Amino acid sequence: MKPFCEVIVSSILPAIRSIITKELLTTYNLTQKQAADLLGLTQPAISQYSHESRGFKVKLLEKQSKIMKMIDDLTKDISSGKLSPKEIQIKFCKICRNIRESKVICHLHEEIYPSIAPCIKCPQQC
C-alpha cells in the first residue's frame, strides 16, 4: 500500500505542475524552454506535462476553486521570475497543505485503496 504522502508525490504534484505548465505556455506565452527553466525541469518534462502524459489528475484539482486560485497565483508569481526557488517551494507546500485539509487527497487515496476508507487520520498526521 502506498502511504498518503506517496499518493501526493505520484498524483497530485504532477497535476499541479501540469496546470502551471499549461498556464505558463498559454496565458503567459512562454516557450517550453522558458517554462522549464522557471520550474527547474527539462523541456521534455514540460512537453509531457502540457500533453497530460504526466499529471493526469488535473480534473481532480480543477473542481477545487480555492486550490485553483492558489495555483493560478503561484503561476503568476513564477512567470514574473521574482520568486526565489525557496519561495516557490513554500507556496507549493501551502497548496499541498490545502489539498490535504480539503480531503481531496483522501478521496483519491480511498479510490486507490478502498480498504482504508474512511480515511480520517492521514491529513492530521502528515
N, C-alpha and C. Protein backbone atom coordinates (compact mmCIF):
# COMPACT_ATOMS: atom_id res chain seq x y z
N MET A 1 0.84 -1.18 0.00
CA MET A 1 0.00 0.00 0.00
C MET A 1 0.88 1.24 0.00
N LYS A 2 0.53 2.20 -0.82
CA LYS A 2 1.25 3.47 -0.85
C LYS A 2 0.76 4.35 0.29
N PRO A 3 1.70 4.93 1.05
CA PRO A 3 1.27 5.87 2.08
C PRO A 3 0.69 7.14 1.45
N PHE A 4 -0.04 7.84 2.25
CA PHE A 4 -0.71 9.08 1.87
C PHE A 4 0.22 10.03 1.09
N CYS A 5 1.41 10.29 1.63
CA CYS A 5 2.33 11.24 1.01
C CYS A 5 2.83 10.75 -0.35
N GLU A 6 2.96 9.46 -0.52
CA GLU A 6 3.39 8.93 -1.81
C GLU A 6 2.33 9.17 -2.89
N VAL A 7 1.08 9.12 -2.50
CA VAL A 7 0.00 9.42 -3.45
C VAL A 7 0.08 10.89 -3.88
N ILE A 8 0.41 11.76 -2.95
CA ILE A 8 0.58 13.17 -3.30
C ILE A 8 1.71 13.33 -4.31
N VAL A 9 2.84 12.69 -4.04
CA VAL A 9 4.00 12.82 -4.92
C VAL A 9 3.74 12.22 -6.29
N SER A 10 3.05 11.10 -6.35
CA SER A 10 2.84 10.43 -7.63
C SER A 10 1.65 10.96 -8.43
N SER A 11 0.67 11.58 -7.76
CA SER A 11 -0.54 12.00 -8.47
C SER A 11 -0.81 13.50 -8.40
N ILE A 12 -0.69 14.08 -7.22
CA ILE A 12 -1.11 15.46 -7.03
C ILE A 12 -0.05 16.46 -7.51
N LEU A 13 1.20 16.29 -7.11
CA LEU A 13 2.23 17.23 -7.54
C LEU A 13 2.38 17.27 -9.06
N PRO A 14 2.36 16.13 -9.75
CA PRO A 14 2.40 16.21 -11.21
C PRO A 14 1.19 16.95 -11.80
N ALA A 15 0.02 16.80 -11.18
CA ALA A 15 -1.16 17.53 -11.67
C ALA A 15 -0.98 19.03 -11.49
N ILE A 16 -0.41 19.44 -10.36
CA ILE A 16 -0.15 20.86 -10.13
C ILE A 16 0.85 21.37 -11.17
N ARG A 17 1.91 20.62 -11.41
CA ARG A 17 2.90 21.02 -12.42
C ARG A 17 2.27 21.10 -13.80
N SER A 18 1.36 20.20 -14.10
CA SER A 18 0.69 20.21 -15.40
C SER A 18 -0.14 21.48 -15.57
N ILE A 19 -0.87 21.86 -14.53
CA ILE A 19 -1.69 23.08 -14.59
C ILE A 19 -0.79 24.30 -14.76
N ILE A 20 0.27 24.37 -13.97
CA ILE A 20 1.20 25.50 -14.06
C ILE A 20 1.83 25.56 -15.44
N THR A 21 2.26 24.42 -15.95
CA THR A 21 2.89 24.36 -17.26
C THR A 21 1.96 24.90 -18.35
N LYS A 22 0.74 24.41 -18.36
CA LYS A 22 -0.22 24.85 -19.39
C LYS A 22 -0.44 26.36 -19.32
N GLU A 23 -0.55 26.89 -18.10
CA GLU A 23 -0.76 28.33 -17.93
C GLU A 23 0.46 29.13 -18.41
N LEU A 24 1.64 28.65 -18.06
CA LEU A 24 2.85 29.35 -18.49
C LEU A 24 2.95 29.38 -20.01
N LEU A 25 2.55 28.29 -20.65
CA LEU A 25 2.64 28.21 -22.12
C LEU A 25 1.53 28.99 -22.82
N THR A 26 0.34 28.98 -22.26
CA THR A 26 -0.78 29.63 -22.96
C THR A 26 -1.03 31.06 -22.49
N THR A 27 -1.26 31.25 -21.21
CA THR A 27 -1.58 32.58 -20.69
C THR A 27 -0.38 33.52 -20.75
N TYR A 28 0.80 33.00 -20.42
CA TYR A 28 1.98 33.85 -20.35
C TYR A 28 2.87 33.73 -21.59
N ASN A 29 2.44 32.93 -22.56
CA ASN A 29 3.11 32.78 -23.86
C ASN A 29 4.60 32.46 -23.75
N LEU A 30 4.96 31.64 -22.79
CA LEU A 30 6.34 31.23 -22.66
C LEU A 30 6.62 30.04 -23.56
N THR A 31 7.86 29.87 -23.93
CA THR A 31 8.25 28.67 -24.66
C THR A 31 8.41 27.54 -23.66
N GLN A 32 8.47 26.33 -24.16
CA GLN A 32 8.69 25.19 -23.28
C GLN A 32 10.03 25.32 -22.57
N LYS A 33 11.03 25.83 -23.25
CA LYS A 33 12.36 26.02 -22.65
C LYS A 33 12.29 27.05 -21.52
N GLN A 34 11.60 28.16 -21.73
CA GLN A 34 11.47 29.18 -20.69
C GLN A 34 10.72 28.62 -19.47
N ALA A 35 9.64 27.89 -19.72
CA ALA A 35 8.88 27.29 -18.62
C ALA A 35 9.74 26.28 -17.87
N ALA A 36 10.50 25.49 -18.60
CA ALA A 36 11.39 24.50 -17.98
C ALA A 36 12.41 25.19 -17.08
N ASP A 37 12.98 26.27 -17.56
CA ASP A 37 13.98 27.00 -16.77
C ASP A 37 13.35 27.56 -15.49
N LEU A 38 12.16 28.12 -15.60
CA LEU A 38 11.49 28.69 -14.42
C LEU A 38 11.12 27.63 -13.39
N LEU A 39 10.74 26.44 -13.86
CA LEU A 39 10.30 25.38 -12.96
C LEU A 39 11.43 24.43 -12.55
N GLY A 40 12.60 24.62 -13.13
CA GLY A 40 13.71 23.72 -12.81
C GLY A 40 13.51 22.33 -13.36
N LEU A 41 12.85 22.26 -14.51
CA LEU A 41 12.56 20.98 -15.16
C LEU A 41 13.22 20.96 -16.54
N THR A 42 13.15 19.83 -17.21
CA THR A 42 13.65 19.74 -18.57
C THR A 42 12.55 20.11 -19.55
N GLN A 43 12.93 20.48 -20.76
CA GLN A 43 11.94 20.78 -21.80
C GLN A 43 11.09 19.56 -22.12
N PRO A 44 11.67 18.34 -22.21
CA PRO A 44 10.81 17.17 -22.43
C PRO A 44 9.78 16.96 -21.32
N ALA A 45 10.14 17.25 -20.07
CA ALA A 45 9.17 17.12 -18.97
C ALA A 45 8.04 18.12 -19.16
N ILE A 46 8.37 19.34 -19.56
CA ILE A 46 7.34 20.36 -19.83
C ILE A 46 6.41 19.88 -20.93
N SER A 47 6.97 19.30 -21.97
CA SER A 47 6.16 18.77 -23.07
C SER A 47 5.19 17.70 -22.56
N GLN A 48 5.68 16.81 -21.71
CA GLN A 48 4.82 15.76 -21.16
C GLN A 48 3.73 16.33 -20.28
N TYR A 49 4.05 17.32 -19.46
CA TYR A 49 3.03 17.96 -18.63
C TYR A 49 2.00 18.67 -19.49
N SER A 50 2.44 19.33 -20.54
CA SER A 50 1.49 20.09 -21.37
C SER A 50 0.56 19.17 -22.14
N HIS A 51 0.98 17.94 -22.40
CA HIS A 51 0.13 16.97 -23.10
C HIS A 51 -0.55 15.99 -22.16
N GLU A 52 -0.42 16.23 -20.86
CA GLU A 52 -1.01 15.40 -19.80
C GLU A 52 -0.60 13.94 -19.86
N SER A 53 0.60 13.67 -20.39
CA SER A 53 1.12 12.30 -20.24
C SER A 53 1.78 12.17 -18.88
N ARG A 54 1.95 13.29 -18.20
CA ARG A 54 2.27 13.37 -16.77
C ARG A 54 1.20 14.26 -16.16
N GLY A 55 0.87 14.04 -14.92
CA GLY A 55 -0.06 14.92 -14.23
C GLY A 55 -1.50 14.78 -14.69
N PHE A 56 -1.96 13.56 -14.86
CA PHE A 56 -3.30 13.33 -15.41
C PHE A 56 -4.43 13.48 -14.39
N LYS A 57 -4.15 13.84 -13.15
CA LYS A 57 -5.19 14.04 -12.14
C LYS A 57 -5.64 15.50 -12.07
N VAL A 58 -5.43 16.24 -13.14
CA VAL A 58 -5.78 17.66 -13.19
C VAL A 58 -7.25 17.89 -12.88
N LYS A 59 -8.13 17.09 -13.42
CA LYS A 59 -9.57 17.28 -13.23
C LYS A 59 -9.96 17.23 -11.75
N LEU A 60 -9.25 16.44 -10.99
CA LEU A 60 -9.50 16.34 -9.55
C LEU A 60 -9.27 17.70 -8.88
N LEU A 61 -8.24 18.40 -9.30
CA LEU A 61 -7.92 19.71 -8.71
C LEU A 61 -8.78 20.83 -9.28
N GLU A 62 -9.15 20.72 -10.55
CA GLU A 62 -9.93 21.78 -11.19
C GLU A 62 -11.28 22.00 -10.52
N LYS A 63 -11.76 21.04 -9.79
CA LYS A 63 -13.05 21.16 -9.09
C LYS A 63 -12.92 21.97 -7.79
N GLN A 64 -11.70 22.27 -7.39
CA GLN A 64 -11.44 22.94 -6.11
C GLN A 64 -11.05 24.40 -6.37
N SER A 65 -11.99 25.32 -6.23
CA SER A 65 -11.74 26.72 -6.60
C SER A 65 -10.64 27.37 -5.75
N LYS A 66 -10.61 27.10 -4.47
CA LYS A 66 -9.57 27.70 -3.61
C LYS A 66 -8.19 27.21 -4.03
N ILE A 67 -8.07 25.94 -4.28
CA ILE A 67 -6.79 25.36 -4.68
C ILE A 67 -6.38 25.90 -6.05
N MET A 68 -7.32 25.99 -6.96
CA MET A 68 -7.01 26.52 -8.30
C MET A 68 -6.56 27.98 -8.22
N LYS A 69 -7.16 28.75 -7.33
CA LYS A 69 -6.74 30.15 -7.15
C LYS A 69 -5.30 30.20 -6.66
N MET A 70 -4.96 29.34 -5.73
CA MET A 70 -3.59 29.28 -5.22
C MET A 70 -2.61 28.88 -6.32
N ILE A 71 -3.00 27.93 -7.16
CA ILE A 71 -2.14 27.50 -8.27
C ILE A 71 -2.00 28.64 -9.29
N ASP A 72 -3.09 29.33 -9.59
CA ASP A 72 -3.04 30.47 -10.50
C ASP A 72 -2.11 31.56 -9.97
N ASP A 73 -2.23 31.86 -8.68
CA ASP A 73 -1.37 32.87 -8.07
C ASP A 73 0.11 32.45 -8.14
N LEU A 74 0.37 31.19 -7.87
CA LEU A 74 1.74 30.68 -7.96
C LEU A 74 2.26 30.79 -9.38
N THR A 75 1.43 30.44 -10.34
CA THR A 75 1.83 30.52 -11.75
C THR A 75 2.19 31.96 -12.12
N LYS A 76 1.38 32.89 -11.69
CA LYS A 76 1.65 34.31 -11.96
C LYS A 76 2.99 34.71 -11.35
N ASP A 77 3.22 34.30 -10.11
CA ASP A 77 4.47 34.61 -9.44
C ASP A 77 5.67 33.98 -10.16
N ILE A 78 5.51 32.73 -10.58
CA ILE A 78 6.60 32.04 -11.29
C ILE A 78 6.89 32.76 -12.60
N SER A 79 5.84 33.15 -13.32
CA SER A 79 6.03 33.80 -14.62
C SER A 79 6.75 35.14 -14.49
N SER A 80 6.59 35.79 -13.36
CA SER A 80 7.24 37.08 -13.15
C SER A 80 8.74 36.92 -12.92
N GLY A 81 9.16 35.73 -12.50
CA GLY A 81 10.57 35.48 -12.23
C GLY A 81 11.07 36.14 -10.96
N LYS A 82 10.16 36.65 -10.14
CA LYS A 82 10.55 37.39 -8.94
C LYS A 82 10.73 36.51 -7.70
N LEU A 83 10.22 35.28 -7.75
CA LEU A 83 10.32 34.41 -6.58
C LEU A 83 11.60 33.60 -6.60
N SER A 84 12.17 33.41 -5.42
CA SER A 84 13.32 32.51 -5.30
C SER A 84 12.81 31.07 -5.33
N PRO A 85 13.69 30.12 -5.60
CA PRO A 85 13.26 28.71 -5.53
C PRO A 85 12.67 28.36 -4.17
N LYS A 86 13.22 28.93 -3.10
CA LYS A 86 12.69 28.65 -1.76
C LYS A 86 11.27 29.18 -1.62
N GLU A 87 10.99 30.37 -2.13
CA GLU A 87 9.65 30.95 -2.05
C GLU A 87 8.65 30.12 -2.87
N ILE A 88 9.09 29.62 -4.02
CA ILE A 88 8.24 28.76 -4.84
C ILE A 88 7.92 27.48 -4.07
N GLN A 89 8.93 26.91 -3.44
CA GLN A 89 8.74 25.68 -2.66
C GLN A 89 7.75 25.91 -1.53
N ILE A 90 7.84 27.02 -0.85
CA ILE A 90 6.92 27.34 0.25
C ILE A 90 5.49 27.42 -0.26
N LYS A 91 5.30 28.05 -1.42
CA LYS A 91 3.95 28.16 -1.99
C LYS A 91 3.42 26.79 -2.42
N PHE A 92 4.29 25.92 -2.97
CA PHE A 92 3.87 24.56 -3.30
C PHE A 92 3.40 23.85 -2.04
N CYS A 93 4.13 24.02 -0.94
CA CYS A 93 3.77 23.37 0.32
C CYS A 93 2.43 23.87 0.83
N LYS A 94 2.16 25.15 0.69
CA LYS A 94 0.86 25.69 1.12
C LYS A 94 -0.27 25.09 0.29
N ILE A 95 -0.04 24.93 -1.00
CA ILE A 95 -1.05 24.31 -1.86
C ILE A 95 -1.30 22.88 -1.41
N CYS A 96 -0.22 22.16 -1.17
CA CYS A 96 -0.33 20.76 -0.73
C CYS A 96 -1.08 20.68 0.60
N ARG A 97 -0.78 21.59 1.52
CA ARG A 97 -1.47 21.61 2.82
C ARG A 97 -2.97 21.82 2.62
N ASN A 98 -3.32 22.73 1.73
CA ASN A 98 -4.74 22.98 1.46
C ASN A 98 -5.41 21.77 0.82
N ILE A 99 -4.69 21.07 -0.02
CA ILE A 99 -5.23 19.86 -0.63
C ILE A 99 -5.50 18.82 0.45
N ARG A 100 -4.57 18.67 1.38
CA ARG A 100 -4.77 17.72 2.49
C ARG A 100 -5.96 18.15 3.34
N GLU A 101 -6.04 19.43 3.67
CA GLU A 101 -7.13 19.92 4.52
C GLU A 101 -8.49 19.79 3.86
N SER A 102 -8.53 19.92 2.55
CA SER A 102 -9.81 19.80 1.83
C SER A 102 -10.23 18.34 1.65
N LYS A 103 -9.35 17.43 2.00
CA LYS A 103 -9.58 15.98 1.91
C LYS A 103 -9.71 15.46 0.48
N VAL A 104 -9.30 16.28 -0.49
CA VAL A 104 -9.29 15.83 -1.88
C VAL A 104 -8.40 14.60 -2.01
N ILE A 105 -7.26 14.65 -1.35
CA ILE A 105 -6.33 13.53 -1.43
C ILE A 105 -6.90 12.29 -0.77
N CYS A 106 -7.72 12.46 0.27
CA CYS A 106 -8.33 11.30 0.93
C CYS A 106 -9.20 10.51 -0.05
N HIS A 107 -9.97 11.23 -0.84
CA HIS A 107 -10.83 10.55 -1.82
C HIS A 107 -9.99 9.78 -2.84
N LEU A 108 -8.90 10.37 -3.28
CA LEU A 108 -8.02 9.67 -4.22
C LEU A 108 -7.37 8.47 -3.54
N HIS A 109 -6.89 8.64 -2.33
CA HIS A 109 -6.26 7.55 -1.59
C HIS A 109 -7.24 6.40 -1.37
N GLU A 110 -8.47 6.73 -1.00
CA GLU A 110 -9.50 5.70 -0.81
C GLU A 110 -9.85 5.01 -2.12
N GLU A 111 -9.81 5.77 -3.20
CA GLU A 111 -10.09 5.20 -4.52
C GLU A 111 -9.02 4.17 -4.89
N ILE A 112 -7.77 4.48 -4.58
CA ILE A 112 -6.66 3.57 -4.87
C ILE A 112 -6.69 2.37 -3.93
N TYR A 113 -7.00 2.63 -2.64
CA TYR A 113 -7.01 1.59 -1.62
C TYR A 113 -8.33 1.62 -0.87
N PRO A 114 -9.38 1.00 -1.41
CA PRO A 114 -10.69 1.04 -0.77
C PRO A 114 -10.70 0.50 0.66
N SER A 115 -9.77 -0.36 0.99
CA SER A 115 -9.76 -0.95 2.33
C SER A 115 -9.44 0.06 3.44
N ILE A 116 -8.91 1.23 3.11
CA ILE A 116 -8.59 2.22 4.14
C ILE A 116 -9.75 3.16 4.43
N ALA A 117 -10.81 3.11 3.63
CA ALA A 117 -11.95 4.02 3.80
C ALA A 117 -12.66 3.72 5.12
N PRO A 118 -13.16 4.70 5.82
CA PRO A 118 -12.99 6.11 5.54
C PRO A 118 -11.63 6.61 6.03
N CYS A 119 -11.00 7.42 5.23
CA CYS A 119 -9.69 7.97 5.52
C CYS A 119 -9.86 9.23 6.37
N ILE A 120 -9.59 9.14 7.66
CA ILE A 120 -9.80 10.30 8.52
C ILE A 120 -8.54 10.76 9.26
N LYS A 121 -7.53 9.94 9.34
CA LYS A 121 -6.36 10.30 10.14
C LYS A 121 -5.22 10.89 9.33
N CYS A 122 -5.08 10.54 8.08
CA CYS A 122 -3.92 10.99 7.30
C CYS A 122 -3.73 12.50 7.31
N PRO A 123 -4.72 13.31 7.00
CA PRO A 123 -4.49 14.76 6.97
C PRO A 123 -4.01 15.32 8.29
N GLN A 124 -4.38 14.67 9.39
CA GLN A 124 -3.96 15.17 10.70
C GLN A 124 -2.55 14.71 11.03
N GLN A 125 -2.12 13.59 10.46
CA GLN A 125 -0.82 13.02 10.83
C GLN A 125 0.31 13.47 9.92
N CYS A 126 0.02 13.83 8.69
CA CYS A 126 1.09 14.19 7.74
C CYS A 126 1.39 15.67 7.78
